[in-house]
Amino acid sequence: MIKINLLPVKKKIAISLIPSVFIYGTIGTIFLIMVLIGFTFHLNSKISRMTAEELAKNQKLSELKTALKEVENFEKFNEEVRKKTEVIEQLKRNQVAPLRLLDEVSEMLPTGVWLTSLVDKSGAVSIEGFAHTNYDLVGYVQNLKASKYLVGVTLVESRQTNLENFTIYKFKLTFTVKV
């Protein structure tokens, strides 16, 4: 048997409250927002890492500047020490010449000759003095010429004078000192 229903059938109305375009758009927007938030976190972490690196490099730079100042101070100190050492060495070298000069002049001085002045001007020496005889004076000049440290010994002046009833010879000599 067949049954026929003559009553009107209620149709199901498929009414979608939200159209599918809005659903897909919302999902896309949420996805885009999540991607942007993730990218923002990534950029913020990169910025903080770069800031930390900059601080570390600035700190290293300040340490290097301090070390550079220490090196410069050390170099200045080293230069001062070197200059002082050179001055000391020069003084030692210059100390030998006057000592040698006085030693040579006094060792070769015969009896009967005495000196009244000895002037040293940068190695050029002039001597003034008196001798009892001309023979004593010539002997002194020959002794000075024989020295290996005295060069260019020259008798500049020799004059006979009277001093308290004695006849003496006043003389002037010049020479240079070889260091």
Protein backbone atom coordinates (compact mmCIF):
# COMPACT_ATOMS: atom_id res chain seq x y z
CA MET A 1 0.00 0.00 0.00
CA ILE A 2 0.85 3.30 -0.74
CA LYS A 3 0.47 6.18 1.49
CA ILE A 4 0.09 9.61 0.22
CA ASN A 5 0.47 12.53 2.42
CA LEU A 6 -1.42 15.50 1.20
CA LEU A 7 -0.47 17.74 4.00
CA PRO A 8 1.85 20.45 3.03
CA VAL A 9 5.41 19.56 3.84
CA LYS A 10 7.49 22.04 5.63
CA LYS A 11 10.57 22.84 3.69
CA LYS A 12 13.76 23.25 5.54
CA ILE A 13 15.12 26.57 4.81
CA ALA A 14 18.92 26.58 4.82
CA ILE A 15 19.61 29.98 5.95
CA SER A 16 23.21 30.58 6.76
CA LEU A 17 23.56 33.30 9.34
CA ILE A 18 27.13 34.19 8.28
CA PRO A 19 28.02 33.97 4.65
CA SER A 20 31.11 31.90 3.84
CA VAL A 21 33.05 34.95 2.58
CA PHE A 22 32.95 36.40 6.07
CA ILE A 23 34.11 33.11 7.58
CA TYR A 24 37.06 32.82 5.22
CA GLY A 25 37.88 36.51 5.64
CA THR A 26 37.82 36.22 9.42
CA ILE A 27 40.03 33.12 9.35
CA GLY A 28 42.45 34.91 6.98
CA THR A 29 42.49 38.02 9.15
CA ILE A 30 43.15 35.97 12.30
CA PHE A 31 45.95 34.12 10.48
CA LEU A 32 47.40 37.43 9.26
CA ILE A 33 47.24 38.90 12.77
CA MET A 34 49.02 35.82 14.17
CA VAL A 35 51.72 36.11 11.49
CA LEU A 36 52.16 39.82 12.26
CA ILE A 37 52.37 39.13 16.00
CA GLY A 38 54.98 36.42 15.37
CA PHE A 39 56.96 38.74 13.07
CA THR A 40 56.75 41.50 15.71
CA PHE A 41 58.12 39.13 18.38
CA HIS A 42 60.88 38.08 15.98
CA LEU A 43 61.84 41.73 15.26
CA ASN A 44 61.70 42.64 18.98
CA SER A 45 64.02 39.75 19.86
CA LYS A 46 66.37 40.77 17.03
CA ILE A 47 66.35 44.39 18.29
CA SER A 48 67.08 43.30 21.88
CA ARG A 49 69.89 41.00 20.67
CA MET A 50 71.41 43.82 18.60
CA THR A 51 71.09 46.23 21.55
CA ALA A 52 72.87 43.72 23.78
CA GLU A 53 75.62 43.32 21.15
CA GLU A 54 75.96 47.11 20.89
CA LEU A 55 76.31 47.43 24.67
CA ALA A 56 78.92 44.65 24.71
CA LYS A 57 80.85 46.29 21.87
CA ASN A 58 80.67 49.72 23.55
CA GLN A 59 81.98 48.17 26.75
CA LYS A 60 84.80 46.45 24.80
CA LEU A 61 85.55 49.78 23.06
CA SER A 62 85.84 51.59 26.39
CA GLU A 63 88.16 48.84 27.68
CA LEU A 64 90.29 49.16 24.54
CA LYS A 65 90.40 52.96 24.90
CA THR A 66 91.60 52.51 28.48
CA ALA A 67 94.23 50.03 27.32
CA LEU A 68 95.27 52.42 24.53
CA LYS A 69 95.73 55.24 27.06
CA GLU A 70 97.83 52.91 29.21
CA VAL A 71 99.98 52.02 26.20
CA GLU A 72 100.40 55.71 25.29
CA ASN A 73 101.35 56.52 28.89
CA PHE A 74 103.81 53.63 28.87
CA GLU A 75 105.31 54.86 25.59
CA LYS A 76 105.66 58.39 27.02
CA PHE A 77 107.28 56.99 30.16
CA ASN A 78 109.55 54.82 28.03
CA GLU A 79 110.56 57.83 25.92
CA GLU A 80 111.31 59.86 29.05
CA VAL A 81 113.42 57.04 30.45
CA ARG A 82 115.26 56.74 27.12
CA LYS A 83 115.98 60.50 27.07
CA LYS A 84 117.20 60.42 30.67
CA THR A 85 119.41 57.45 29.86
CA GLU A 86 120.87 59.32 26.89
CA VAL A 87 121.60 62.33 29.11
CA ILE A 88 123.30 60.09 31.67
CA GLU A 89 125.36 58.40 28.95
CA GLN A 90 126.33 61.82 27.53
CA LEU A 91 127.35 62.99 30.99
CA LYS A 92 129.46 59.87 31.43
CA ARG A 93 131.16 60.48 28.08
CA ASN A 94 131.69 64.16 28.91
CA GLN A 95 133.01 63.27 32.33
CA VAL A 96 135.94 61.41 30.82
CA ALA A 97 137.26 64.34 28.74
CA PRO A 98 137.87 66.84 31.60
CA LEU A 99 139.32 64.08 33.73
CA ARG A 100 141.65 62.98 30.95
CA LEU A 101 142.58 66.61 30.21
CA LEU A 102 143.53 67.38 33.79
CA ASP A 103 145.34 64.08 34.14
CA GLU A 104 147.42 64.61 30.97
CA VAL A 105 148.20 68.25 31.70
CA SER A 106 149.26 67.58 35.30
CA GLU A 107 151.24 64.37 34.59
CA MET A 108 153.34 66.03 31.93
CA LEU A 109 154.04 69.14 33.98
CA PRO A 110 157.79 69.24 34.72
CA THR A 111 159.33 70.88 37.75
CA GLY A 112 159.95 74.52 37.15
CA VAL A 113 156.64 75.04 35.28
CA TRP A 114 153.38 76.08 36.91
CA LEU A 115 149.99 76.92 35.45
CA THR A 116 147.90 79.97 36.21
CA SER A 117 144.83 79.23 34.09
CA LEU A 118 143.31 76.40 32.07
CA VAL A 119 140.25 77.14 29.94
CA ASP A 120 138.31 74.44 28.09
CA LYS A 121 135.79 75.60 25.49
CA SER A 122 134.15 72.55 23.90
CA GLY A 123 137.42 70.67 23.56
CA ALA A 124 139.56 73.71 22.60
CA VAL A 125 141.89 74.24 25.55
CA SER A 126 144.12 77.22 26.32
CA ILE A 127 146.70 77.19 29.11
CA GLU A 128 148.57 80.09 30.64
CA GLY A 129 151.44 79.75 33.06
CA PHE A 130 155.03 80.46 34.01
CA ALA A 131 158.32 78.56 33.60
CA HIS A 132 161.70 79.07 35.28
CA THR A 133 163.63 78.50 32.06
CA ASN A 134 162.86 78.35 28.39
CA TYR A 135 164.20 74.77 28.44
CA ASP A 136 161.48 73.76 30.99
CA LEU A 137 158.82 75.35 28.81
CA VAL A 138 160.03 73.58 25.65
CA GLY A 139 160.10 70.27 27.55
CA TYR A 140 156.50 70.78 28.68
CA VAL A 141 155.37 71.57 25.12
CA GLN A 142 157.15 68.44 23.83
CA ASN A 143 155.53 66.31 26.56
CA LEU A 144 152.07 67.63 25.59
CA LYS A 145 152.75 66.95 21.89
CA ALA A 146 153.69 63.36 22.74
CA SER A 147 150.30 62.72 24.37
CA LYS A 148 147.87 60.57 22.41
CA TYR A 149 144.88 62.49 23.83
CA LEU A 150 146.03 66.03 23.03
CA VAL A 151 146.07 67.22 19.40
CA GLY A 152 147.42 70.41 17.82
CA VAL A 153 149.56 71.58 20.72
CA THR A 154 150.72 75.09 19.81
CA LEU A 155 152.84 77.53 21.79
CA VAL A 156 151.02 80.79 21.15
CA GLU A 157 153.19 83.12 23.23
CA SER A 158 156.35 82.93 25.30
CA ARG A 159 157.64 86.11 26.95
CA GLN A 160 160.47 86.69 29.34
CA THR A 161 159.44 88.72 32.40
CA ASN A 162 160.86 89.64 35.75
CA LEU A 163 159.02 88.68 38.90
CA GLU A 164 160.55 89.87 42.20
CA ASN A 165 164.14 89.91 40.91
CA PHE A 166 163.71 86.55 39.11
CA THR A 167 163.68 86.09 35.36
CA ILE A 168 160.78 83.80 34.31
CA TYR A 169 158.95 82.96 31.12
CA LYS A 170 155.23 83.66 30.79
CA PHE A 171 153.55 81.44 28.18
CA LYS A 172 150.25 80.59 26.47
CA LEU A 173 149.45 77.21 24.88
CA THR A 174 146.47 75.98 22.87
CA PHE A 175 145.41 72.46 21.86
CA THR A 176 142.34 70.27 21.48
CA VAL A 177 141.37 67.19 23.45
CA LYS A 178 140.68 63.97 21.56
CA VAL A 179 137.95 61.95 23.27
